[in-house]
Full PDB file with SEQRES, HELIX, SHEET, SSBOND, CRYST1, ORIGX, SCALE, CONECT and MASTER records, all heavy atoms in Angstrom:
SEQRES   1 A   36  GLY ALA SER PHE THR LYS THR TRP THR LEU ARG ASN THR          
SEQRES   2 A   36  GLY THR CYS ASP TRP ASN ASP GLU TYR LYS ILE SER PHE          
SEQRES   3 A   36  LYS SER GLY ASP GLN MET GLY GLY PRO ASP                      
CRYST1    1.000    1.000    1.000  90.00  90.00  90.00 P 1           1          
ORIGX1      1.000000  0.000000  0.000000        0.00000                         
ORIGX2      0.000000  1.000000  0.000000        0.00000                         
ORIGX3      0.000000  0.000000  1.000000        0.00000                         
SCALE1      1.000000  0.000000  0.000000        0.00000                         
SCALE2      0.000000  1.000000  0.000000        0.00000                         
SCALE3      0.000000  0.000000  1.000000        0.00000                         
ATOM      1  N   GLY A   1       0.823  -1.227  -0.041  1.00  0.00           N  
ATOM      2  CA  GLY A   1       0.053  -0.021  -0.020  1.00  0.00           C  
ATOM      3  C   GLY A   1       0.836   1.298   0.046  1.00  0.00           C  
ATOM      4  O   GLY A   1       0.215   2.332   0.016  1.00  0.00           O  
ATOM      5  N   ALA A   2       2.112   1.222  -0.035  1.00  0.00           N  
ATOM      6  CA  ALA A   2       2.959   2.423  -0.016  1.00  0.00           C  
ATOM      7  C   ALA A   2       2.885   3.166  -1.323  1.00  0.00           C  
ATOM      8  O   ALA A   2       2.856   2.620  -2.459  1.00  0.00           O  
ATOM      9  CB  ALA A   2       4.398   1.999   0.275  1.00  0.00           C  
ATOM     10  N   SER A   3       2.835   4.518  -1.257  1.00  0.00           N  
ATOM     11  CA  SER A   3       2.782   5.334  -2.473  1.00  0.00           C  
ATOM     12  C   SER A   3       4.162   5.636  -2.920  1.00  0.00           C  
ATOM     13  O   SER A   3       5.093   5.824  -2.026  1.00  0.00           O  
ATOM     14  CB  SER A   3       2.082   6.699  -2.166  1.00  0.00           C  
ATOM     15  OG  SER A   3       0.740   6.433  -1.900  1.00  0.00           O  
ATOM     16  N   PHE A   4       4.398   5.767  -4.100  1.00  0.00           N  
ATOM     17  CA  PHE A   4       5.780   6.063  -4.730  1.00  0.00           C  
ATOM     18  C   PHE A   4       5.593   6.717  -6.030  1.00  0.00           C  
ATOM     19  O   PHE A   4       4.537   6.734  -6.710  1.00  0.00           O  
ATOM     20  CB  PHE A   4       6.688   4.859  -4.741  1.00  0.00           C  
ATOM     21  CG  PHE A   4       6.284   3.797  -5.742  1.00  0.00           C  
ATOM     22  CD1 PHE A   4       6.895   3.666  -6.992  1.00  0.00           C  
ATOM     23  CD2 PHE A   4       5.274   2.855  -5.334  1.00  0.00           C  
ATOM     24  CE1 PHE A   4       6.475   2.705  -7.902  1.00  0.00           C  
ATOM     25  CE2 PHE A   4       4.949   1.823  -6.247  1.00  0.00           C  
ATOM     26  CZ  PHE A   4       5.452   1.720  -7.468  1.00  0.00           C  
ATOM     27  N   THR A   5       6.773   7.382  -6.498  1.00  0.00           N  
ATOM     28  CA  THR A   5       6.668   8.018  -7.792  1.00  0.00           C  
ATOM     29  C   THR A   5       7.800   7.473  -8.610  1.00  0.00           C  
ATOM     30  O   THR A   5       8.939   7.272  -8.199  1.00  0.00           O  
ATOM     31  CB  THR A   5       6.983   9.557  -7.587  1.00  0.00           C  
ATOM     32  OG1 THR A   5       5.939  10.106  -6.714  1.00  0.00           O  
ATOM     33  CG2 THR A   5       6.907  10.293  -8.876  1.00  0.00           C  
ATOM     34  N   LYS A   6       7.363   7.090  -9.830  1.00  0.00           N  
ATOM     35  CA  LYS A   6       8.285   6.567 -10.860  1.00  0.00           C  
ATOM     36  C   LYS A   6       8.576   7.555 -11.888  1.00  0.00           C  
ATOM     37  O   LYS A   6       7.618   8.136 -12.466  1.00  0.00           O  
ATOM     38  CB  LYS A   6       7.766   5.212 -11.464  1.00  0.00           C  
ATOM     39  CG  LYS A   6       8.580   4.660 -12.579  1.00  0.00           C  
ATOM     40  CD  LYS A   6       9.851   3.918 -12.059  1.00  0.00           C  
ATOM     41  CE  LYS A   6      10.498   3.256 -13.219  1.00  0.00           C  
ATOM     42  NZ  LYS A   6      11.545   2.342 -12.761  1.00  0.00           N  
ATOM     43  N   THR A   7       9.872   7.881 -12.223  1.00  0.00           N  
ATOM     44  CA  THR A   7      10.199   8.834 -13.237  1.00  0.00           C  
ATOM     45  C   THR A   7      11.190   8.138 -14.282  1.00  0.00           C  
ATOM     46  O   THR A   7      12.203   7.613 -13.810  1.00  0.00           O  
ATOM     47  CB  THR A   7      10.818  10.054 -12.745  1.00  0.00           C  
ATOM     48  OG1 THR A   7       9.979  10.679 -11.824  1.00  0.00           O  
ATOM     49  CG2 THR A   7      11.187  11.003 -13.858  1.00  0.00           C  
ATOM     50  N   TRP A   8      10.793   8.215 -15.529  1.00  0.00           N  
ATOM     51  CA  TRP A   8      11.618   7.672 -16.633  1.00  0.00           C  
ATOM     52  C   TRP A   8      12.075   8.915 -17.421  1.00  0.00           C  
ATOM     53  O   TRP A   8      11.316   9.801 -17.674  1.00  0.00           O  
ATOM     54  CB  TRP A   8      10.907   6.728 -17.558  1.00  0.00           C  
ATOM     55  CG  TRP A   8      10.277   5.557 -17.066  1.00  0.00           C  
ATOM     56  CD1 TRP A   8      10.990   4.288 -16.860  1.00  0.00           C  
ATOM     57  CD2 TRP A   8       8.851   5.292 -16.652  1.00  0.00           C  
ATOM     58  NE1 TRP A   8      10.172   3.451 -16.349  1.00  0.00           N  
ATOM     59  CE2 TRP A   8       8.865   3.988 -16.221  1.00  0.00           C  
ATOM     60  CE3 TRP A   8       7.828   6.018 -16.597  1.00  0.00           C  
ATOM     61  CZ2 TRP A   8       7.641   3.389 -15.772  1.00  0.00           C  
ATOM     62  CZ3 TRP A   8       6.692   5.530 -16.255  1.00  0.00           C  
ATOM     63  CH2 TRP A   8       6.623   4.176 -15.740  1.00  0.00           C  
ATOM     64  N   THR A   9      13.425   8.884 -17.718  1.00  0.00           N  
ATOM     65  CA  THR A   9      13.902   9.975 -18.614  1.00  0.00           C  
ATOM     66  C   THR A   9      14.097   9.307 -19.884  1.00  0.00           C  
ATOM     67  O   THR A   9      14.880   8.254 -19.993  1.00  0.00           O  
ATOM     68  CB  THR A   9      15.227  10.523 -18.034  1.00  0.00           C  
ATOM     69  OG1 THR A   9      14.995  11.034 -16.761  1.00  0.00           O  
ATOM     70  CG2 THR A   9      15.705  11.642 -18.981  1.00  0.00           C  
ATOM     71  N   LEU A  10      13.436   9.889 -20.966  1.00  0.00           N  
ATOM     72  CA  LEU A  10      13.671   9.282 -22.344  1.00  0.00           C  
ATOM     73  C   LEU A  10      14.219  10.430 -23.247  1.00  0.00           C  
ATOM     74  O   LEU A  10      13.852  11.589 -23.034  1.00  0.00           O  
ATOM     75  CB  LEU A  10      12.289   8.900 -22.859  1.00  0.00           C  
ATOM     76  CG  LEU A  10      11.541   7.682 -22.075  1.00  0.00           C  
ATOM     77  CD1 LEU A  10      10.235   7.374 -22.760  1.00  0.00           C  
ATOM     78  CD2 LEU A  10      12.395   6.543 -22.031  1.00  0.00           C  
ATOM     79  N   ARG A  11      14.998  10.007 -24.178  1.00  0.00           N  
ATOM     80  CA  ARG A  11      15.537  10.926 -25.255  1.00  0.00           C  
ATOM     81  C   ARG A  11      14.821  10.657 -26.559  1.00  0.00           C  
ATOM     82  O   ARG A  11      14.618   9.511 -26.981  1.00  0.00           O  
ATOM     83  CB  ARG A  11      17.055  10.621 -25.353  1.00  0.00           C  
ATOM     84  CG  ARG A  11      17.654  11.631 -26.364  1.00  0.00           C  
ATOM     85  CD  ARG A  11      19.186  11.516 -26.387  1.00  0.00           C  
ATOM     86  NE  ARG A  11      19.587  12.102 -25.137  1.00  0.00           N  
ATOM     87  CZ  ARG A  11      20.453  11.529 -24.268  1.00  0.00           C  
ATOM     88  NH1 ARG A  11      21.180  10.440 -24.662  1.00  0.00           N  
ATOM     89  NH2 ARG A  11      20.797  12.036 -23.116  1.00  0.00           N  
ATOM     90  N   ASN A  12      14.428  11.631 -27.121  1.00  0.00           N  
ATOM     91  CA  ASN A  12      13.821  11.658 -28.543  1.00  0.00           C  
ATOM     92  C   ASN A  12      14.986  11.428 -29.456  1.00  0.00           C  
ATOM     93  O   ASN A  12      15.623  12.374 -29.870  1.00  0.00           O  
ATOM     94  CB  ASN A  12      13.013  12.949 -28.814  1.00  0.00           C  
ATOM     95  CG  ASN A  12      12.380  12.981 -30.186  1.00  0.00           C  
ATOM     96  OD1 ASN A  12      12.659  12.060 -30.944  1.00  0.00           O  
ATOM     97  ND2 ASN A  12      11.498  13.983 -30.421  1.00  0.00           N  
ATOM     98  N   THR A  13      15.047  10.176 -29.989  1.00  0.00           N  
ATOM     99  CA  THR A  13      16.150   9.795 -30.904  1.00  0.00           C  
ATOM    100  C   THR A  13      15.581   9.605 -32.258  1.00  0.00           C  
ATOM    101  O   THR A  13      16.256   9.179 -33.157  1.00  0.00           O  
ATOM    102  CB  THR A  13      16.856   8.509 -30.449  1.00  0.00           C  
ATOM    103  OG1 THR A  13      15.973   7.520 -30.173  1.00  0.00           O  
ATOM    104  CG2 THR A  13      17.711   8.792 -29.263  1.00  0.00           C  
ATOM    105  N   GLY A  14      14.347  10.067 -32.474  1.00  0.00           N  
ATOM    106  CA  GLY A  14      13.736  10.081 -33.808  1.00  0.00           C  
ATOM    107  C   GLY A  14      13.968  11.404 -34.525  1.00  0.00           C  
ATOM    108  O   GLY A  14      14.778  12.222 -34.121  1.00  0.00           O  
ATOM    109  N   THR A  15      13.149  11.667 -35.531  1.00  0.00           N  
ATOM    110  CA  THR A  15      13.237  12.896 -36.294  1.00  0.00           C  
ATOM    111  C   THR A  15      11.987  13.717 -36.073  1.00  0.00           C  
ATOM    112  O   THR A  15      11.906  14.839 -36.661  1.00  0.00           O  
ATOM    113  CB  THR A  15      13.561  12.590 -37.813  1.00  0.00           C  
ATOM    114  OG1 THR A  15      12.496  11.807 -38.337  1.00  0.00           O  
ATOM    115  CG2 THR A  15      14.887  11.993 -38.001  1.00  0.00           C  
ATOM    116  N   CYS A  16      10.970  13.199 -35.493  1.00  0.00           N  
ATOM    117  CA  CYS A  16       9.732  13.990 -35.205  1.00  0.00           C  
ATOM    118  C   CYS A  16       9.789  14.678 -33.854  1.00  0.00           C  
ATOM    119  O   CYS A  16      10.330  14.202 -32.945  1.00  0.00           O  
ATOM    120  CB  CYS A  16       8.555  12.983 -35.114  1.00  0.00           C  
ATOM    121  SG  CYS A  16       8.154  12.178 -36.688  1.00  0.00           S  
ATOM    122  N   ASP A  17       9.183  15.887 -33.814  1.00  0.00           N  
ATOM    123  CA  ASP A  17       9.029  16.603 -32.542  1.00  0.00           C  
ATOM    124  C   ASP A  17       7.914  15.865 -31.783  1.00  0.00           C  
ATOM    125  O   ASP A  17       6.941  15.414 -32.366  1.00  0.00           O  
ATOM    126  CB  ASP A  17       8.481  18.083 -32.717  1.00  0.00           C  
ATOM    127  CG  ASP A  17       9.618  18.799 -33.383  1.00  0.00           C  
ATOM    128  OD1 ASP A  17      10.819  18.512 -33.417  1.00  0.00           O  
ATOM    129  OD2 ASP A  17       9.291  19.966 -33.965  1.00  0.00           O  
ATOM    130  N   TRP A  18       8.007  15.722 -30.458  1.00  0.00           N  
ATOM    131  CA  TRP A  18       6.951  15.224 -29.664  1.00  0.00           C  
ATOM    132  C   TRP A  18       6.207  16.462 -29.015  1.00  0.00           C  
ATOM    133  O   TRP A  18       6.844  17.219 -28.312  1.00  0.00           O  
ATOM    134  CB  TRP A  18       7.440  14.316 -28.525  1.00  0.00           C  
ATOM    135  CG  TRP A  18       8.285  13.092 -28.932  1.00  0.00           C  
ATOM    136  CD1 TRP A  18       8.370  12.624 -30.164  1.00  0.00           C  
ATOM    137  CD2 TRP A  18       9.104  12.395 -28.080  1.00  0.00           C  
ATOM    138  NE1 TRP A  18       9.239  11.556 -30.118  1.00  0.00           N  
ATOM    139  CE2 TRP A  18       9.625  11.317 -28.802  1.00  0.00           C  
ATOM    140  CE3 TRP A  18       9.377  12.404 -26.609  1.00  0.00           C  
ATOM    141  CZ2 TRP A  18      10.524  10.379 -28.352  1.00  0.00           C  
ATOM    142  CZ3 TRP A  18      10.296  11.524 -26.159  1.00  0.00           C  
ATOM    143  CH2 TRP A  18      10.784  10.458 -26.979  1.00  0.00           C  
ATOM    144  N   ASN A  19       4.954  16.623 -29.250  1.00  0.00           N  
ATOM    145  CA  ASN A  19       4.283  17.697 -28.772  1.00  0.00           C  
ATOM    146  C   ASN A  19       3.613  17.343 -27.436  1.00  0.00           C  
ATOM    147  O   ASN A  19       3.745  16.189 -26.976  1.00  0.00           O  
ATOM    148  CB  ASN A  19       3.182  18.264 -29.780  1.00  0.00           C  
ATOM    149  CG  ASN A  19       2.096  17.275 -30.003  1.00  0.00           C  
ATOM    150  OD1 ASN A  19       1.547  16.659 -29.110  1.00  0.00           O  
ATOM    151  ND2 ASN A  19       1.672  17.180 -31.303  1.00  0.00           N  
ATOM    152  N   ASP A  20       3.141  18.347 -26.693  1.00  0.00           N  
ATOM    153  CA  ASP A  20       2.558  18.074 -25.428  1.00  0.00           C  
ATOM    154  C   ASP A  20       1.260  17.392 -25.294  1.00  0.00           C  
ATOM    155  O   ASP A  20       0.689  17.126 -24.315  1.00  0.00           O  
ATOM    156  CB  ASP A  20       2.474  19.414 -24.572  1.00  0.00           C  
ATOM    157  CG  ASP A  20       1.576  20.484 -25.231  1.00  0.00           C  
ATOM    158  OD1 ASP A  20       0.951  20.110 -26.324  1.00  0.00           O  
ATOM    159  OD2 ASP A  20       1.494  21.594 -24.768  1.00  0.00           O  
ATOM    160  N   GLU A  21       0.778  16.881 -26.563  1.00  0.00           N  
ATOM    161  CA  GLU A  21      -0.384  16.067 -26.585  1.00  0.00           C  
ATOM    162  C   GLU A  21       0.097  14.561 -26.592  1.00  0.00           C  
ATOM    163  O   GLU A  21      -0.719  13.665 -26.598  1.00  0.00           O  
ATOM    164  CB  GLU A  21      -1.187  16.351 -27.849  1.00  0.00           C  
ATOM    165  CG  GLU A  21      -1.833  17.760 -27.714  1.00  0.00           C  
ATOM    166  CD  GLU A  21      -2.679  18.050 -28.926  1.00  0.00           C  
ATOM    167  OE1 GLU A  21      -2.993  17.172 -29.714  1.00  0.00           O  
ATOM    168  OE2 GLU A  21      -3.015  19.209 -29.050  1.00  0.00           O  
ATOM    169  N   TYR A  22       1.340  14.307 -26.775  1.00  0.00           N  
ATOM    170  CA  TYR A  22       1.921  12.952 -26.688  1.00  0.00           C  
ATOM    171  C   TYR A  22       1.749  12.485 -25.225  1.00  0.00           C  
ATOM    172  O   TYR A  22       1.589  13.421 -24.385  1.00  0.00           O  
ATOM    173  CB  TYR A  22       3.388  12.916 -27.093  1.00  0.00           C  
ATOM    174  CG  TYR A  22       3.654  12.916 -28.516  1.00  0.00           C  
ATOM    175  CD1 TYR A  22       2.925  13.640 -29.412  1.00  0.00           C  
ATOM    176  CD2 TYR A  22       4.659  12.101 -29.049  1.00  0.00           C  
ATOM    177  CE1 TYR A  22       3.251  13.612 -30.783  1.00  0.00           C  
ATOM    178  CE2 TYR A  22       4.927  12.000 -30.435  1.00  0.00           C  
ATOM    179  CZ  TYR A  22       4.260  12.846 -31.284  1.00  0.00           C  
ATOM    180  OH  TYR A  22       4.528  12.776 -32.690  1.00  0.00           O  
ATOM    181  N   LYS A  23       1.647  11.234 -25.046  1.00  0.00           N  
ATOM    182  CA  LYS A  23       1.366  10.850 -23.661  1.00  0.00           C  
ATOM    183  C   LYS A  23       2.098   9.454 -23.363  1.00  0.00           C  
ATOM    184  O   LYS A  23       2.591   8.854 -24.210  1.00  0.00           O  
ATOM    185  CB  LYS A  23      -0.139  10.707 -23.362  1.00  0.00           C  
ATOM    186  CG  LYS A  23      -0.827   9.748 -24.271  1.00  0.00           C  
ATOM    187  CD  LYS A  23      -2.311   9.941 -24.073  1.00  0.00           C  
ATOM    188  CE  LYS A  23      -2.960   9.316 -25.274  1.00  0.00           C  
ATOM    189  NZ  LYS A  23      -4.373   9.697 -25.339  1.00  0.00           N  
ATOM    190  N   ILE A  24       2.225   9.191 -22.052  1.00  0.00           N  
ATOM    191  CA  ILE A  24       2.654   7.850 -21.586  1.00  0.00           C  
ATOM    192  C   ILE A  24       1.440   7.156 -21.165  1.00  0.00           C  
ATOM    193  O   ILE A  24       0.558   7.676 -20.438  1.00  0.00           O  
ATOM    194  CB  ILE A  24       3.761   7.858 -20.522  1.00  0.00           C  
ATOM    195  CG1 ILE A  24       4.196   6.474 -20.337  1.00  0.00           C  
ATOM    196  CG2 ILE A  24       3.337   8.667 -19.343  1.00  0.00           C  
ATOM    197  CD1 ILE A  24       5.633   6.438 -19.699  1.00  0.00           C  
ATOM    198  N   SER A  25       1.180   5.920 -21.768  1.00  0.00           N  
ATOM    199  CA  SER A  25      -0.122   5.233 -21.520  1.00  0.00           C  
ATOM    200  C   SER A  25       0.242   3.871 -20.791  1.00  0.00           C  
ATOM    201  O   SER A  25       1.142   3.192 -21.229  1.00  0.00           O  
ATOM    202  CB  SER A  25      -0.856   5.006 -22.740  1.00  0.00           C  
ATOM    203  OG  SER A  25      -1.142   6.175 -23.479  1.00  0.00           O  
ATOM    204  N   PHE A  26      -0.673   3.522 -19.983  1.00  0.00           N  
ATOM    205  CA  PHE A  26      -0.569   2.066 -19.410  1.00  0.00           C  
ATOM    206  C   PHE A  26      -0.843   1.109 -20.533  1.00  0.00           C  
ATOM    207  O   PHE A  26      -1.807   1.287 -21.264  1.00  0.00           O  
ATOM    208  CB  PHE A  26      -1.559   1.878 -18.266  1.00  0.00           C  
ATOM    209  CG  PHE A  26      -1.448   0.531 -17.625  1.00  0.00           C  
ATOM    210  CD1 PHE A  26      -0.366   0.148 -16.939  1.00  0.00           C  
ATOM    211  CD2 PHE A  26      -2.527  -0.395 -17.896  1.00  0.00           C  
ATOM    212  CE1 PHE A  26      -0.292  -1.168 -16.414  1.00  0.00           C  
ATOM    213  CE2 PHE A  26      -2.458  -1.673 -17.390  1.00  0.00           C  
ATOM    214  CZ  PHE A  26      -1.327  -2.081 -16.630  1.00  0.00           C  
ATOM    215  N   LYS A  27       0.008   0.083 -20.546  1.00  0.00           N  
ATOM    216  CA  LYS A  27      -0.133  -0.919 -21.646  1.00  0.00           C  
ATOM    217  C   LYS A  27      -0.601  -2.297 -21.078  1.00  0.00           C  
ATOM    218  O   LYS A  27      -1.577  -2.862 -21.528  1.00  0.00           O  
ATOM    219  CB  LYS A  27       1.163  -1.054 -22.324  1.00  0.00           C  
ATOM    220  CG  LYS A  27       1.175  -2.089 -23.514  1.00  0.00           C  
ATOM    221  CD  LYS A  27       2.538  -2.261 -24.112  1.00  0.00           C  
ATOM    222  CE  LYS A  27       2.560  -3.362 -25.058  1.00  0.00           C  
ATOM    223  NZ  LYS A  27       3.860  -3.655 -25.636  1.00  0.00           N  
ATOM    224  N   SER A  28       0.131  -2.819 -20.079  1.00  0.00           N  
ATOM    225  CA  SER A  28      -0.301  -4.084 -19.569  1.00  0.00           C  
ATOM    226  C   SER A  28       0.438  -4.332 -18.134  1.00  0.00           C  
ATOM    227  O   SER A  28       1.281  -3.586 -17.760  1.00  0.00           O  
ATOM    228  CB  SER A  28       0.115  -5.163 -20.603  1.00  0.00           C  
ATOM    229  OG  SER A  28       1.586  -5.300 -20.669  1.00  0.00           O  
ATOM    230  N   GLY A  29       0.091  -5.545 -17.600  1.00  0.00           N  
ATOM    231  CA  GLY A  29       0.739  -5.871 -16.367  1.00  0.00           C  
ATOM    232  C   GLY A  29      -0.076  -5.274 -15.148  1.00  0.00           C  
ATOM    233  O   GLY A  29      -1.297  -5.200 -15.194  1.00  0.00           O  
ATOM    234  N   ASP A  30       0.713  -4.859 -14.163  1.00  0.00           N  
ATOM    235  CA  ASP A  30       0.111  -4.217 -12.866  1.00  0.00           C  
ATOM    236  C   ASP A  30       0.087  -2.748 -12.962  1.00  0.00           C  
ATOM    237  O   ASP A  30       1.208  -2.183 -13.013  1.00  0.00           O  
ATOM    238  CB  ASP A  30       0.956  -4.744 -11.725  1.00  0.00           C  
ATOM    239  CG  ASP A  30       0.972  -6.302 -11.660  1.00  0.00           C  
ATOM    240  OD1 ASP A  30      -0.201  -6.918 -11.497  1.00  0.00           O  
ATOM    241  OD2 ASP A  30       1.984  -6.898 -11.757  1.00  0.00           O  
ATOM    242  N   GLN A  31      -1.027  -2.166 -13.028  1.00  0.00           N  
ATOM    243  CA  GLN A  31      -1.090  -0.662 -13.124  1.00  0.00           C  
ATOM    244  C   GLN A  31      -0.771   0.021 -11.883  1.00  0.00           C  
ATOM    245  O   GLN A  31      -0.418   1.238 -11.910  1.00  0.00           O  
ATOM    246  CB  GLN A  31      -2.569  -0.292 -13.574  1.00  0.00           C  
ATOM    247  CG  GLN A  31      -2.695   1.080 -14.125  1.00  0.00           C  
ATOM    248  CD  GLN A  31      -3.981   1.340 -14.837  1.00  0.00           C  
ATOM    249  OE1 GLN A  31      -4.732   0.401 -15.107  1.00  0.00           O  
ATOM    250  NE2 GLN A  31      -4.180   2.578 -15.298  1.00  0.00           N  
ATOM    251  N   MET A  32      -0.889  -0.588 -10.753  1.00  0.00           N  
ATOM    252  CA  MET A  32      -0.445  -0.061  -9.401  1.00  0.00           C  
ATOM    253  C   MET A  32      -1.117   1.332  -9.119  1.00  0.00           C  
ATOM    254  O   MET A  32      -0.421   2.212  -8.570  1.00  0.00           O  
ATOM    255  CB  MET A  32       1.091   0.039  -9.357  1.00  0.00           C  
ATOM    256  CG  MET A  32       1.683  -1.344  -9.411  1.00  0.00           C  
ATOM    257  SD  MET A  32       3.486  -1.281  -9.275  1.00  0.00           S  
ATOM    258  CE  MET A  32       3.958  -2.138 -10.700  1.00  0.00           C  
ATOM    259  N   GLY A  33      -2.379   1.439  -9.464  1.00  0.00           N  
ATOM    260  CA  GLY A  33      -3.102   2.674  -9.182  1.00  0.00           C  
ATOM    261  C   GLY A  33      -2.721   3.898 -10.070  1.00  0.00           C  
ATOM    262  O   GLY A  33      -3.155   4.992  -9.871  1.00  0.00           O  
ATOM    263  N   GLY A  34      -1.836   3.618 -11.070  1.00  0.00           N  
ATOM    264  CA  GLY A  34      -1.453   4.722 -11.954  1.00  0.00           C  
ATOM    265  C   GLY A  34      -2.537   5.097 -12.911  1.00  0.00           C  
ATOM    266  O   GLY A  34      -3.493   4.301 -13.091  1.00  0.00           O  
ATOM    267  N   PRO A  35      -2.496   6.231 -13.628  1.00  0.00           N  
ATOM    268  CA  PRO A  35      -3.451   6.642 -14.596  1.00  0.00           C  
ATOM    269  C   PRO A  35      -3.414   5.823 -15.877  1.00  0.00           C  
ATOM    270  O   PRO A  35      -2.387   5.183 -16.119  1.00  0.00           O  
ATOM    271  CB  PRO A  35      -3.016   8.080 -14.840  1.00  0.00           C  
ATOM    272  CG  PRO A  35      -1.565   8.078 -14.686  1.00  0.00           C  
ATOM    273  CD  PRO A  35      -1.254   7.151 -13.513  1.00  0.00           C  
ATOM    274  N   ASP A  36      -4.576   5.858 -16.590  1.00  0.00           N  
ATOM    275  CA  ASP A  36      -4.533   5.098 -17.895  1.00  0.00           C  
ATOM    276  C   ASP A  36      -3.609   5.754 -18.866  1.00  0.00           C  
ATOM    277  O   ASP A  36      -2.965   5.121 -19.647  1.00  0.00           O  
ATOM    278  CB  ASP A  36      -6.026   5.138 -18.485  1.00  0.00           C  
ATOM    279  CG  ASP A  36      -6.938   4.238 -17.644  1.00  0.00           C  
ATOM    280  OD1 ASP A  36      -6.519   3.258 -17.059  1.00  0.00           O  
ATOM    281  OD2 ASP A  36      -8.144   4.551 -17.722  1.00  0.00           O  
TER     282      ASP A  36                                                      
MASTER        0    0    0    0    0    0    0    6  281    1    0    3          
END                                                                             
């Protein structure tokens, strides 16, 4: 039941800009109370 924060740092190694409408989405496994 402990709360924690997970942060990933990713580098854009493609050629497209990522705008602020891009998102990180839950895919599978254990969601652990995180957002969709």
